[in-house]
């Protein structure tokens, strides 16, 4: 009797742990998007404030991918938007794939695969 209760308790704990480890894809996307957008925004404005003869030639290459981006304050706003959108998509997709893999692992463990 005790062995059955211990097995049920262990199974319940494992199920709670598995359920607790799910990621909220929307929140993960927003956080990743904010980090990416702020990274581009801060890097661009850092170069603008430091100035010099040639301002950020490597960062200016983002203009090849982000239409309207330039190493300027206005460009940093454009870069923030592109960084946020790209980061959101990446964060959202990573969370969805993680949750999908966790669901498959849980189903396989429970024998429902």
Protein backbone atom coordinates (compact mmCIF):
# COMPACT_ATOMS: atom_id res chain seq x y z
CA UNK A 1 0.00 0.00 0.00
CA UNK A 2 2.79 2.41 0.92
CA UNK A 3 4.67 1.63 -2.30
CA UNK A 4 1.60 2.50 -4.37
CA UNK A 5 1.13 5.78 -2.51
CA UNK A 6 4.81 6.63 -2.93
CA UNK A 7 4.63 5.93 -6.66
CA UNK A 8 1.49 8.07 -7.00
CA UNK A 9 3.11 10.89 -5.05
CA UNK A 10 6.23 10.72 -7.22
CA UNK A 11 4.11 10.75 -10.40
CA UNK A 12 2.11 13.73 -9.11
CA UNK A 13 5.29 15.64 -8.21
CA UNK A 14 6.75 14.93 -11.65
CA UNK A 15 3.56 16.11 -13.36
CA UNK A 16 3.48 19.32 -11.31
CA UNK A 17 7.16 19.94 -12.07
CA UNK A 18 6.62 19.34 -15.78
CA UNK A 19 3.62 21.66 -15.85
CA UNK A 20 5.52 24.33 -13.91
CA UNK A 21 8.33 24.35 -16.48
CA UNK A 22 6.20 25.64 -19.37
CA UNK A 23 7.18 28.96 -20.88
CA UNK A 24 4.72 31.73 -21.71
CA UNK A 25 5.54 32.36 -25.36
CA UNK A 26 4.10 35.88 -25.45
CA UNK A 27 6.01 37.05 -22.40
CA UNK A 28 9.21 35.39 -23.64
CA UNK A 29 8.77 37.12 -26.99
CA UNK A 30 8.22 40.54 -25.41
CA UNK A 31 11.23 40.20 -23.12
CA UNK A 32 13.52 38.97 -25.89
CA UNK A 33 12.24 41.72 -28.19
CA UNK A 34 12.88 44.41 -25.58
CA UNK A 35 16.43 43.16 -24.96
CA UNK A 36 17.23 43.03 -28.69
CA UNK A 37 15.60 46.40 -29.41
CA UNK A 38 17.29 48.12 -26.49
CA UNK A 39 20.61 46.59 -27.49
CA UNK A 40 20.42 48.16 -30.94
CA UNK A 41 19.05 51.44 -29.54
CA UNK A 42 21.82 51.78 -26.92
CA UNK A 43 24.61 50.70 -29.28
CA UNK A 44 23.50 53.19 -31.93
CA UNK A 45 23.16 56.09 -29.51
CA UNK A 46 26.50 55.24 -27.88
CA UNK A 47 28.19 55.60 -31.26
CA UNK A 48 26.28 58.79 -32.06
CA UNK A 49 27.30 60.37 -28.74
CA UNK A 50 30.95 59.35 -29.14
CA UNK A 51 30.97 60.83 -32.64
CA UNK A 52 34.10 60.95 -34.74
CA UNK A 53 34.96 61.19 -38.41
CA UNK A 54 33.37 57.85 -39.28
CA UNK A 55 30.53 56.85 -36.96
CA UNK A 56 29.87 53.10 -36.62
CA UNK A 57 30.67 51.61 -40.03
CA UNK A 58 29.97 48.09 -38.77
CA UNK A 59 26.66 48.99 -37.14
CA UNK A 60 25.70 50.89 -40.28
CA UNK A 61 25.61 47.54 -42.08
CA UNK A 62 22.30 46.87 -40.30
CA UNK A 63 20.85 49.30 -42.84
CA UNK A 64 21.24 46.49 -45.39
CA UNK A 65 18.66 44.46 -43.44
CA UNK A 66 16.61 47.11 -41.64
CA UNK A 67 15.04 49.51 -44.15
CA UNK A 68 15.41 53.08 -42.87
CA UNK A 69 18.13 52.31 -40.30
CA UNK A 70 21.09 54.69 -40.04
CA UNK A 71 23.57 55.40 -37.28
CA UNK A 72 21.63 58.39 -35.91
CA UNK A 73 19.10 59.03 -33.18
CA UNK A 74 16.19 58.53 -35.59
CA UNK A 75 17.92 55.40 -36.86
CA UNK A 76 18.17 54.09 -33.31
CA UNK A 77 14.38 54.28 -33.03
CA UNK A 78 14.00 52.40 -36.31
CA UNK A 79 16.56 49.87 -35.08
CA UNK A 80 14.67 49.45 -31.81
CA UNK A 81 11.48 48.60 -33.70
CA UNK A 82 13.23 46.09 -35.95
CA UNK A 83 15.12 44.62 -33.00
CA UNK A 84 11.93 44.28 -30.99
CA UNK A 85 10.06 42.59 -33.83
CA UNK A 86 12.91 40.20 -34.60
CA UNK A 87 13.49 39.45 -30.93
CA UNK A 88 9.78 38.86 -30.35
CA UNK A 89 9.60 36.33 -33.17
CA UNK A 90 12.72 34.52 -31.96
CA UNK A 91 11.64 34.46 -28.31
CA UNK A 92 8.12 33.36 -29.19
CA UNK A 93 9.30 30.56 -31.45
CA UNK A 94 11.89 29.29 -28.95
CA UNK A 95 9.19 29.10 -26.27
CA UNK A 96 6.77 27.31 -28.58
CA UNK A 97 9.39 24.74 -29.59
CA UNK A 98 10.42 24.25 -25.95
CA UNK A 99 6.80 23.72 -24.86
CA UNK A 100 6.21 21.33 -27.76
CA UNK A 101 9.27 19.27 -26.78
CA UNK A 102 8.20 19.27 -23.11
CA UNK A 103 4.72 18.06 -24.08
CA UNK A 104 6.17 15.25 -26.19
CA UNK A 105 8.52 14.26 -23.39
CA UNK A 106 5.65 14.20 -20.90
CA UNK A 107 3.41 12.15 -23.20
CA UNK A 108 6.23 9.68 -23.84
CA UNK A 109 6.87 9.39 -20.11
CA UNK A 110 3.20 8.74 -19.42
CA UNK A 111 2.96 6.28 -22.30
CA UNK A 112 0.49 8.27 -24.41
CA UNK A 113 2.81 8.84 -27.39
